[in-house]
Protein backbone atom coordinates (compact mmCIF):
# COMPACT_ATOMS: atom_id res chain seq x y z
CA MET A 1 0.00 0.00 0.00
CA PRO A 2 1.49 3.36 -1.01
CA THR A 3 1.99 5.80 1.82
CA TRP A 4 2.47 9.53 2.06
CA ALA A 5 6.06 8.87 3.11
CA SER A 6 6.65 6.84 -0.07
CA ALA A 7 5.12 9.58 -2.20
CA PHE A 8 7.23 12.24 -0.44
CA ALA A 9 10.37 10.12 -0.83
CA ILE A 10 9.75 9.63 -4.56
CA TRP A 11 8.93 13.33 -5.06
CA SER A 12 12.09 14.40 -3.22
CA LEU A 13 14.34 12.01 -5.13
CA LEU A 14 12.87 13.11 -8.47
CA PHE A 15 13.12 16.80 -7.60
CA GLY A 16 16.71 16.36 -6.42
CA SER A 17 17.54 14.43 -9.58
CA MET A 18 16.18 17.29 -11.69
CA HIS A 19 18.57 19.72 -9.99
CA PHE A 20 21.49 17.41 -10.82
CA PHE A 21 20.20 17.08 -14.39
CA TRP A 22 20.03 20.86 -14.83
CA LEU A 23 23.50 21.29 -13.40
CA GLY A 24 24.88 18.62 -15.73
CA ALA A 25 22.94 20.00 -18.69
CA TYR A 26 24.64 23.38 -18.25
CA PHE A 27 28.00 21.73 -18.94
CA ALA A 28 27.05 18.89 -21.30
CA TRP A 29 23.65 19.54 -22.90
CA PRO A 30 22.55 23.20 -22.73
CA ALA A 31 19.74 22.65 -25.26
CA ALA A 32 17.97 20.33 -22.80
CA GLY A 33 18.24 22.92 -20.05
CA ARG A 34 16.85 25.64 -22.31
CA ALA A 35 14.00 23.36 -23.39
CA MET A 36 13.00 22.75 -19.77
CA LEU A 37 13.68 26.10 -18.13
CA GLY A 38 13.59 28.57 -20.99
CA PRO A 39 16.00 31.33 -21.97
CA ILE A 40 16.90 32.07 -18.35
CA PHE A 41 18.70 28.71 -18.08
CA GLU A 42 22.18 29.65 -19.32
CA PRO A 43 22.44 33.09 -17.71
CA ALA A 44 21.33 31.65 -14.36
CA PHE A 45 23.71 28.70 -14.45
CA ALA A 46 26.59 30.88 -15.62
CA SER A 47 26.77 32.10 -12.01
CA LEU A 48 28.90 29.96 -9.68
CA ARG A 49 26.57 30.98 -6.86
CA PHE A 50 23.55 29.58 -8.71
CA ARG A 51 25.35 26.35 -9.63
CA THR A 52 26.37 25.93 -5.98
CA TYR A 53 22.78 26.58 -4.87
CA ASP A 54 21.52 23.99 -7.34
CA LEU A 55 24.04 21.41 -6.14
CA VAL A 56 23.18 22.01 -2.47
CA VAL A 57 19.44 21.87 -3.17
CA GLY A 58 19.86 18.64 -5.14
CA VAL A 59 21.81 17.01 -2.30
CA LEU A 60 19.25 18.18 0.29
CA PHE A 61 16.32 16.82 -1.75
CA VAL A 62 18.00 13.44 -2.16
CA ALA A 63 18.77 13.37 1.59
CA VAL A 64 15.14 14.22 2.43
CA GLY A 65 13.94 11.56 -0.01
CA LEU A 66 16.12 8.92 1.59
CA ALA A 67 15.05 10.02 5.08
CA ALA A 68 11.35 9.93 4.17
CA GLY A 69 11.83 6.44 2.80
CA THR A 70 13.00 5.24 6.22
CA LEU A 71 9.82 6.15 8.11
CA ARG A 72 8.33 3.01 9.59
CA ARG A 73 4.91 2.39 11.01
CA GLY A 74 4.67 2.89 14.73
CA SER A 75 8.37 3.36 15.38
CA THR A 76 9.52 5.74 18.11
CA SER A 77 13.26 4.99 18.00
CA LYS A 78 15.83 7.78 18.30
CA HIS A 79 16.50 7.46 14.58
CA GLU A 80 12.81 7.92 13.79
CA THR A 81 12.62 10.94 16.09
CA PHE A 82 15.58 12.54 14.28
CA VAL A 83 14.05 11.74 10.87
CA ARG A 84 10.67 13.21 11.87
CA ARG A 85 12.29 16.41 13.16
CA SER A 86 14.37 16.70 9.99
CA LEU A 87 11.31 16.17 7.82
CA ARG A 88 9.36 18.79 9.79
CA LEU A 89 12.14 21.27 9.04
CA ALA A 90 12.05 20.26 5.36
CA VAL A 91 8.27 20.78 5.24
CA VAL A 92 8.63 24.25 6.80
CA LEU A 93 11.38 25.24 4.37
CA LEU A 94 9.44 23.91 1.38
CA SER A 95 6.33 25.78 2.56
CA VAL A 96 8.18 29.06 3.02
CA ARG A 97 10.01 28.78 -0.31
CA GLY A 98 6.89 27.72 -2.19
CA THR A 99 4.65 30.35 -0.62
CA ALA A 100 7.15 33.18 -1.13
CA GLY A 101 7.79 32.23 -4.75
CA THR A 102 4.12 31.74 -5.57
CA LEU A 103 3.19 35.05 -3.93
CA LEU A 104 5.90 36.87 -5.88
CA ASP A 105 4.78 35.19 -9.12
CA THR A 106 1.16 36.15 -8.45
CA LEU A 107 2.12 39.80 -7.86
CA ILE A 108 4.05 39.83 -11.14
CA ILE A 109 1.18 38.24 -13.07
CA LEU A 110 -1.29 40.76 -11.60
CA GLY A 111 1.02 43.63 -12.49
CA VAL A 112 1.38 44.78 -8.90
CA ILE A 113 5.17 44.56 -9.17
CA GLN A 114 7.38 44.62 -12.22
CA GLY A 115 8.83 41.38 -13.52
CA SER A 116 8.70 39.02 -16.43
CA ILE A 117 6.31 36.12 -16.72
CA SER A 118 8.08 32.84 -17.46
CA ARG A 119 7.54 29.10 -17.30
CA MET A 120 9.81 29.07 -14.24
CA MET A 121 6.86 30.42 -12.25
CA PHE A 122 5.26 26.96 -12.21
CA TYR A 123 8.39 25.68 -10.53
CA ASP A 124 7.45 27.47 -7.29
CA LEU A 125 4.28 25.41 -7.00
CA TRP A 126 6.33 22.20 -6.86
CA PHE A 127 7.74 23.32 -3.51
CA LEU A 128 4.18 23.52 -2.19
CA VAL A 129 3.41 20.06 -3.59
CA GLY A 130 6.43 18.72 -1.71
CA ALA A 131 5.38 20.48 1.48
CA GLY A 132 1.94 18.90 1.22
CA LEU A 133 3.36 15.42 0.64
CA GLY A 134 5.77 15.85 3.54
CA ALA A 135 3.03 17.08 5.86
CA GLY A 136 0.89 14.12 4.83
CA ALA A 137 3.76 11.71 5.55
CA LEU A 138 4.34 13.19 9.01
CA HIS A 139 0.63 13.18 9.82
CA GLN A 140 0.22 9.58 8.67
CA GLN A 141 3.28 8.43 10.63
CA ARG A 142 2.12 10.25 13.79
CA HIS A 143 -1.35 8.68 13.46
CA GLN A 144 0.18 5.22 13.06
CA VAL A 145 2.33 5.69 16.17
CA ARG A 146 -0.74 6.63 18.18
CA SER A 147 -2.83 3.74 16.80
CA VAL A 148 -0.32 1.13 17.99
CA GLY A 149 -0.34 2.65 21.48
CA VAL A 150 3.28 3.75 21.55
């Protein structure tokens, strides 16, 4: 039976993999990066700061995906406690990043602030999808711990 933790783990691993793909595409296959992210791809990845950000984000998403995959039903071990706390932090960070980006995108689309509309705007919503999956995983795991009387 699929669980929220499994869905969150898969989402995180895929999202992390995409960051590694984009980073590799900058060096080996720029056309693929442009096709996915648009004309902003090469100028953004030309910056060492942006490439470093992308690498760090990719590593963090893979780590979160692996951590989410270790959640077990009804476990209250020290490892599980650490994983749950780490995943809570991930959910908060995903929520803040997704909300801030989506709010900024909305203000640009409505013309309240100046900016250009691009396909990258949809990217911000993926952070909110991840936050929802992570929150679902934590809620489901907490419910399972309570149901076994631990």
